[in-house]
């Protein structure tokens, strides 16, 4: 859910920044279609569980008493 919210926020920010950039640099052409946004969102949603699983596997190897010892 958090990744999907981040994808939506990122898409909104990128469209907003593209509009601002178009005013400052009128010769620079920035285009992003809905397919581009959907593809990037799909990749992010697919990769984020893997990125969260790797640290979780490492944490399982640590004794909780050792982790909280000063």
PDB file of N, CA and C in Angstrom:
ATOM      1  N   UNK A   1       0.835  -1.188   0.000  1.00  0.00           N
ATOM      2  CA  UNK A   1       0.000   0.000   0.000  1.00  0.00           C
ATOM      3  C   UNK A   1       0.881   1.254   0.000  1.00  0.00           C
ATOM      4  N   UNK A   2       1.953   1.235   0.801  1.00  0.00           N
ATOM      5  CA  UNK A   2       2.838   2.390   0.881  1.00  0.00           C
ATOM      6  C   UNK A   2       3.546   2.635  -0.447  1.00  0.00           C
ATOM      7  N   UNK A   3       3.950   1.562  -1.110  1.00  0.00           N
ATOM      8  CA  UNK A   3       4.638   1.712  -2.396  1.00  0.00           C
ATOM      9  C   UNK A   3       3.684   2.290  -3.436  1.00  0.00           C
ATOM     10  N   UNK A   4       2.451   1.834  -3.425  1.00  0.00           N
ATOM     11  CA  UNK A   4       1.472   2.361  -4.376  1.00  0.00           C
ATOM     12  C   UNK A   4       1.216   3.843  -4.126  1.00  0.00           C
ATOM     13  N   UNK A   5       1.138   4.240  -2.862  1.00  0.00           N
ATOM     14  CA  UNK A   5       0.953   5.659  -2.538  1.00  0.00           C
ATOM     15  C   UNK A   5       2.164   6.468  -2.995  1.00  0.00           C
ATOM     16  N   UNK A   6       3.346   5.914  -2.823  1.00  0.00           N
ATOM     17  CA  UNK A   6       4.555   6.589  -3.291  1.00  0.00           C
ATOM     18  C   UNK A   6       4.585   6.727  -4.800  1.00  0.00           C
ATOM     19  N   UNK A   7       4.112   5.706  -5.495  1.00  0.00           N
ATOM     20  CA  UNK A   7       4.053   5.775  -6.963  1.00  0.00           C
ATOM     21  C   UNK A   7       3.100   6.877  -7.416  1.00  0.00           C
ATOM     22  N   UNK A   8       1.949   6.972  -6.758  1.00  0.00           N
ATOM     23  CA  UNK A   8       0.991   8.020  -7.114  1.00  0.00           C
ATOM     24  C   UNK A   8       1.552   9.408  -6.814  1.00  0.00           C
ATOM     25  N   UNK A   9       2.180   9.551  -5.658  1.00  0.00           N
ATOM     26  CA  UNK A   9       2.769  10.846  -5.304  1.00  0.00           C
ATOM     27  C   UNK A   9       3.898  11.206  -6.267  1.00  0.00           C
ATOM     28  N   UNK A  10       4.718  10.236  -6.619  1.00  0.00           N
ATOM     29  CA  UNK A  10       5.809  10.484  -7.558  1.00  0.00           C
ATOM     30  C   UNK A  10       5.305  10.863  -8.940  1.00  0.00           C
ATOM     31  N   UNK A  11       4.240  10.215  -9.387  1.00  0.00           N
ATOM     32  CA  UNK A  11       3.669  10.556 -10.692  1.00  0.00           C
ATOM     33  C   UNK A  11       3.117  11.974 -10.677  1.00  0.00           C
ATOM     34  N   UNK A  12       2.425  12.331  -9.607  1.00  0.00           N
ATOM     35  CA  UNK A  12       1.869  13.682  -9.511  1.00  0.00           C
ATOM     36  C   UNK A  12       2.985  14.728  -9.480  1.00  0.00           C
ATOM     37  N   UNK A  13       4.025  14.466  -8.698  1.00  0.00           N
ATOM     38  CA  UNK A  13       5.148  15.406  -8.634  1.00  0.00           C
ATOM     39  C   UNK A  13       5.869  15.522  -9.971  1.00  0.00           C
ATOM     40  N   UNK A  14       6.027  14.404 -10.659  1.00  0.00           N
ATOM     41  CA  UNK A  14       6.746  14.458 -11.935  1.00  0.00           C
ATOM     42  C   UNK A  14       5.965  15.244 -12.984  1.00  0.00           C
ATOM     43  N   UNK A  15       4.649  15.093 -13.006  1.00  0.00           N
ATOM     44  CA  UNK A  15       3.858  15.884 -13.952  1.00  0.00           C
ATOM     45  C   UNK A  15       3.916  17.368 -13.595  1.00  0.00           C
ATOM     46  N   UNK A  16       3.884  17.671 -12.300  1.00  0.00           N
ATOM     47  CA  UNK A  16       3.992  19.066 -11.875  1.00  0.00           C
ATOM     48  C   UNK A  16       5.339  19.670 -12.219  1.00  0.00           C
ATOM     49  N   UNK A  17       6.402  18.925 -11.967  1.00  0.00           N
ATOM     50  CA  UNK A  17       7.743  19.413 -12.291  1.00  0.00           C
ATOM     51  C   UNK A  17       7.951  19.535 -13.798  1.00  0.00           C
ATOM     52  N   UNK A  18       7.321  18.668 -14.558  1.00  0.00           N
ATOM     53  CA  UNK A  18       7.428  18.767 -16.016  1.00  0.00           C
ATOM     54  C   UNK A  18       6.787  20.063 -16.508  1.00  0.00           C
ATOM     55  N   UNK A  19       5.682  20.455 -15.889  1.00  0.00           N
ATOM     56  CA  UNK A  19       5.025  21.702 -16.287  1.00  0.00           C
ATOM     57  C   UNK A  19       5.895  22.911 -15.937  1.00  0.00           C
ATOM     58  N   UNK A  20       6.503  22.882 -14.749  1.00  0.00           N
ATOM     59  CA  UNK A  20       7.383  23.983 -14.341  1.00  0.00           C
ATOM     60  C   UNK A  20       8.616  24.037 -15.237  1.00  0.00           C
ATOM     61  N   UNK A  21       9.182  22.880 -15.534  1.00  0.00           N
ATOM     62  CA  UNK A  21      10.365  22.821 -16.389  1.00  0.00           C
ATOM     63  C   UNK A  21      10.049  23.327 -17.796  1.00  0.00           C
ATOM     64  N   UNK A  22       8.861  23.033 -18.286  1.00  0.00           N
ATOM     65  CA  UNK A  22       8.475  23.488 -19.627  1.00  0.00           C
ATOM     66  C   UNK A  22       8.430  25.010 -19.704  1.00  0.00           C
ATOM     67  N   UNK A  23       8.086  25.654 -18.592  1.00  0.00           N
ATOM     68  CA  UNK A  23       8.077  27.126 -18.588  1.00  0.00           C
ATOM     69  C   UNK A  23       9.494  27.685 -18.610  1.00  0.00           C
ATOM     70  N   UNK A  24      10.391  27.060 -17.874  1.00  0.00           N
ATOM     71  CA  UNK A  24      11.766  27.559 -17.780  1.00  0.00           C
ATOM     72  C   UNK A  24      12.605  27.184 -18.992  1.00  0.00           C
ATOM     73  N   UNK A  25      12.390  25.990 -19.508  1.00  0.00           N
ATOM     74  CA  UNK A  25      13.165  25.497 -20.652  1.00  0.00           C
ATOM     75  C   UNK A  25      12.199  25.072 -21.758  1.00  0.00           C
ATOM     76  N   UNK A  26      11.690  26.021 -22.528  1.00  0.00           N
ATOM     77  CA  UNK A  26      10.675  25.677 -23.532  1.00  0.00           C
ATOM     78  C   UNK A  26      11.194  24.782 -24.657  1.00  0.00           C
ATOM     79  N   UNK A  27      12.502  24.738 -24.864  1.00  0.00           N
ATOM     80  CA  UNK A  27      13.022  23.895 -25.945  1.00  0.00           C
ATOM     81  C   UNK A  27      13.195  22.442 -25.518  1.00  0.00           C
ATOM     82  N   UNK A  28      13.137  22.176 -24.217  1.00  0.00           N
ATOM     83  CA  UNK A  28      13.284  20.813 -23.712  1.00  0.00           C
ATOM     84  C   UNK A  28      11.930  20.123 -23.742  1.00  0.00           C
ATOM     85  N   UNK A  29      11.868  18.988 -24.394  1.00  0.00           N
ATOM     86  CA  UNK A  29      10.603  18.275 -24.523  1.00  0.00           C
ATOM     87  C   UNK A  29      10.576  17.090 -23.559  1.00  0.00           C
ATOM     88  N   UNK A  30       9.648  17.127 -22.610  1.00  0.00           N
ATOM     89  CA  UNK A  30       9.470  16.040 -21.649  1.00  0.00           C
ATOM     90  C   UNK A  30       8.112  15.405 -21.883  1.00  0.00           C
ATOM     91  N   UNK A  31       8.109  14.120 -22.146  1.00  0.00           N
ATOM     92  CA  UNK A  31       6.843  13.425 -22.342  1.00  0.00           C
ATOM     93  C   UNK A  31       6.831  12.157 -21.506  1.00  0.00           C
ATOM     94  N   UNK A  32       5.710  11.908 -20.884  1.00  0.00           N
ATOM     95  CA  UNK A  32       5.498  10.668 -20.134  1.00  0.00           C
ATOM     96  C   UNK A  32       4.054  10.249 -20.364  1.00  0.00           C
ATOM     97  N   UNK A  33       3.880   9.068 -20.883  1.00  0.00           N
ATOM     98  CA  UNK A  33       2.532   8.578 -21.137  1.00  0.00           C
ATOM     99  C   UNK A  33       2.040   7.790 -19.936  1.00  0.00           C
ATOM    100  N   UNK A  34       0.792   7.473 -19.947  1.00  0.00           N
ATOM    101  CA  UNK A  34       0.222   6.653 -18.886  1.00  0.00           C
ATOM    102  C   UNK A  34       0.855   5.272 -18.837  1.00  0.00           C
ATOM    103  N   UNK A  35       1.265   4.776 -19.987  1.00  0.00           N
ATOM    104  CA  UNK A  35       1.937   3.473 -20.041  1.00  0.00           C
ATOM    105  C   UNK A  35       3.280   3.543 -19.323  1.00  0.00           C
ATOM    106  N   UNK A  36       3.998   4.648 -19.495  1.00  0.00           N
ATOM    107  CA  UNK A  36       5.279   4.818 -18.803  1.00  0.00           C
ATOM    108  C   UNK A  36       5.089   4.803 -17.290  1.00  0.00           C
ATOM    109  N   UNK A  37       4.109   5.552 -16.825  1.00  0.00           N
ATOM    110  CA  UNK A  37       3.838   5.625 -15.388  1.00  0.00           C
ATOM    111  C   UNK A  37       3.409   4.260 -14.862  1.00  0.00           C
ATOM    112  N   UNK A  38       2.562   3.571 -15.595  1.00  0.00           N
ATOM    113  CA  UNK A  38       2.099   2.253 -15.161  1.00  0.00           C
ATOM    114  C   UNK A  38       3.243   1.246 -15.128  1.00  0.00           C
ATOM    115  N   UNK A  39       4.123   1.291 -16.108  1.00  0.00           N
ATOM    116  CA  UNK A  39       5.248   0.358 -16.157  1.00  0.00           C
ATOM    117  C   UNK A  39       6.213   0.591 -14.999  1.00  0.00           C
ATOM    118  N   UNK A  40       6.543   1.847 -14.746  1.00  0.00           N
ATOM    119  CA  UNK A  40       7.445   2.154 -13.632  1.00  0.00           C
ATOM    120  C   UNK A  40       6.801   1.765 -12.307  1.00  0.00           C
ATOM    121  N   UNK A  41       5.517   2.030 -12.151  1.00  0.00           N
ATOM    122  CA  UNK A  41       4.814   1.654 -10.924  1.00  0.00           C
ATOM    123  C   UNK A  41       4.802   0.146 -10.740  1.00  0.00           C
ATOM    124  N   UNK A  42       4.585  -0.588 -11.802  1.00  0.00           N
ATOM    125  CA  UNK A  42       4.575  -2.048 -11.722  1.00  0.00           C
ATOM    126  C   UNK A  42       5.937  -2.587 -11.310  1.00  0.00           C
ATOM    127  N   UNK A  43       6.992  -2.025 -11.860  1.00  0.00           N
ATOM    128  CA  UNK A  43       8.346  -2.458 -11.490  1.00  0.00           C
ATOM    129  C   UNK A  43       8.614  -2.159 -10.019  1.00  0.00           C
ATOM    130  N   UNK A  44       8.255  -0.967  -9.565  1.00  0.00           N
ATOM    131  CA  UNK A  44       8.482  -0.612  -8.166  1.00  0.00           C
ATOM    132  C   UNK A  44       7.700  -1.507  -7.218  1.00  0.00           C
ATOM    133  N   UNK A  45       6.444  -1.770  -7.546  1.00  0.00           N
ATOM    134  CA  UNK A  45       5.618  -2.628  -6.693  1.00  0.00           C
ATOM    135  C   UNK A  45       6.139  -4.058  -6.710  1.00  0.00           C
ATOM    136  N   UNK A  46       6.727  -4.498  -7.801  1.00  0.00           N
ATOM    137  CA  UNK A  46       7.267  -5.858  -7.889  1.00  0.00           C
ATOM    138  C   UNK A  46       8.587  -6.009  -7.151  1.00  0.00           C
ATOM    139  N   UNK A  47       9.423  -4.977  -7.164  1.00  0.00           N
ATOM    140  CA  UNK A  47      10.763  -5.068  -6.588  1.00  0.00           C
ATOM    141  C   UNK A  47      10.770  -4.776  -5.086  1.00  0.00           C
ATOM    142  N   UNK A  48       9.852  -3.976  -4.605  1.00  0.00           N
ATOM    143  CA  UNK A  48       9.888  -3.577  -3.195  1.00  0.00           C
ATOM    144  C   UNK A  48       9.753  -4.744  -2.220  1.00  0.00           C
ATOM    145  N   UNK A  49       8.957  -5.778  -2.466  1.00  0.00           N
ATOM    146  CA  UNK A  49       8.951  -6.908  -1.525  1.00  0.00           C
ATOM    147  C   UNK A  49      10.306  -7.615  -1.432  1.00  0.00           C
ATOM    148  N   UNK A  50      11.018  -7.686  -2.532  1.00  0.00           N
ATOM    149  CA  UNK A  50      12.353  -8.298  -2.501  1.00  0.00           C
ATOM    150  C   UNK A  50      13.292  -7.442  -1.664  1.00  0.00           C
ATOM    151  N   UNK A  51      13.208  -6.140  -1.835  1.00  0.00           N
ATOM    152  CA  UNK A  51      14.044  -5.235  -1.063  1.00  0.00           C
ATOM    153  C   UNK A  51      13.736  -5.269   0.420  1.00  0.00           C
ATOM    154  N   UNK A  52      12.522  -5.599   0.788  1.00  0.00           N
ATOM    155  CA  UNK A  52      12.158  -5.704   2.201  1.00  0.00           C
ATOM    156  C   UNK A  52      12.481  -7.082   2.763  1.00  0.00           C
ATOM    157  N   UNK A  53      12.530  -8.092   1.930  1.00  0.00           N
ATOM    158  CA  UNK A  53      12.768  -9.454   2.397  1.00  0.00           C
ATOM    159  C   UNK A  53      14.226  -9.687   2.757  1.00  0.00           C
ATOM    160  N   UNK A  54      15.141  -9.128   2.020  1.00  0.00           N
ATOM    161  CA  UNK A  54      16.569  -9.352   2.272  1.00  0.00           C
ATOM    162  C   UNK A  54      16.972  -8.898   3.675  1.00  0.00           C
ATOM    163  N   UNK A  55      16.638  -7.684   4.125  1.00  0.00           N
ATOM    164  CA  UNK A  55      16.986  -7.317   5.502  1.00  0.00           C
ATOM    165  C   UNK A  55      16.264  -8.163   6.546  1.00  0.00           C
ATOM    166  N   UNK A  56      15.041  -8.582   6.242  1.00  0.00           N
ATOM    167  CA  UNK A  56      14.299  -9.410   7.183  1.00  0.00           C
ATOM    168  C   UNK A  56      14.998 -10.751   7.383  1.00  0.00           C
ATOM    169  N   UNK A  57      15.519 -11.329   6.328  1.00  0.00           N
ATOM    170  CA  UNK A  57      16.242 -12.599   6.443  1.00  0.00           C
ATOM    171  C   UNK A  57      17.505 -12.409   7.270  1.00  0.00           C
ATOM    172  N   UNK A  58      18.201 -11.303   7.084  1.00  0.00           N
ATOM    173  CA  UNK A  58      19.409 -11.034   7.875  1.00  0.00           C
ATOM    174  C   UNK A  58      19.069 -10.834   9.345  1.00  0.00           C
ATOM    175  N   UNK A  59      17.963 -10.169   9.633  1.00  0.00           N
ATOM    176  CA  UNK A  59      17.575  -9.933  11.024  1.00  0.00           C
ATOM    177  C   UNK A  59      17.197 -11.218  11.744  1.00  0.00           C
ATOM    178  N   UNK A  60      16.714 -12.199  11.028  1.00  0.00           N
ATOM    179  CA  UNK A  60      16.346 -13.465  11.668  1.00  0.00           C
ATOM    180  C   UNK A  60      17.555 -14.175  12.243  1.00  0.00           C
ATOM    181  N   UNK A  61      18.740 -13.898  11.738  1.00  0.00           N
ATOM    182  CA  UNK A  61      19.955 -14.561  12.209  1.00  0.00           C
ATOM    183  C   UNK A  61      20.495 -13.952  13.500  1.00  0.00           C
ATOM    184  N   UNK A  62      20.047 -12.750  13.864  1.00  0.00           N
ATOM    185  CA  UNK A  62      20.581 -12.055  15.033  1.00  0.00           C
ATOM    186  C   UNK A  62      19.746 -12.402  16.259  1.00  0.00           C
ATOM    187  N   UNK A  63      20.429 -12.691  17.366  1.00  0.00           N
ATOM    188  CA  UNK A  63      19.754 -12.949  18.634  1.00  0.00           C
ATOM    189  C   UNK A  63      19.188 -11.624  19.150  1.00  0.00           C
ATOM    190  N   UNK A  64      17.906 -11.571  19.533  1.00  0.00           N
ATOM    191  CA  UNK A  64      17.319 -10.309  19.992  1.00  0.00           C
ATOM    192  C   UNK A  64      18.032  -9.709  21.203  1.00  0.00           C
ATOM    193  N   UNK A  65      18.528 -10.547  22.091  1.00  0.00           N
ATOM    194  CA  UNK A  65      19.244 -10.041  23.262  1.00  0.00           C
ATOM    195  C   UNK A  65      20.525  -9.333  22.821  1.00  0.00           C
ATOM    196  N   UNK A  66      21.214  -9.886  21.854  1.00  0.00           N
ATOM    197  CA  UNK A  66      22.441  -9.268  21.348  1.00  0.00           C
ATOM    198  C   UNK A  66      22.143  -7.959  20.609  1.00  0.00           C
ATOM    199  N   UNK A  67      21.032  -7.905  19.932  1.00  0.00           N
ATOM    200  CA  UNK A  67      20.701  -6.714  19.151  1.00  0.00           C
ATOM    201  C   UNK A  67      20.438  -5.504  20.041  1.00  0.00           C
ATOM    202  N   UNK A  68      19.854  -5.723  21.225  1.00  0.00           N
ATOM    203  CA  UNK A  68      19.501  -4.609  22.107  1.00  0.00           C
ATOM    204  C   UNK A  68      20.518  -4.368  23.210  1.00  0.00           C
ATOM    205  N   UNK A  69      21.597  -5.118  23.235  1.00  0.00           N
ATOM    206  CA  UNK A  69      22.635  -4.924  24.245  1.00  0.00           C
ATOM    207  C   UNK A  69      23.430  -3.662  23.906  1.00  0.00           C
ATOM    208  N   UNK A  70      23.680  -2.785  24.932  1.00  0.00           N
ATOM    209  CA  UNK A  70      24.418  -1.537  24.647  1.00  0.00           C
ATOM    210  C   UNK A  70      25.875  -1.747  24.345  1.00  0.00           C
TER     211      UNK A  70
END
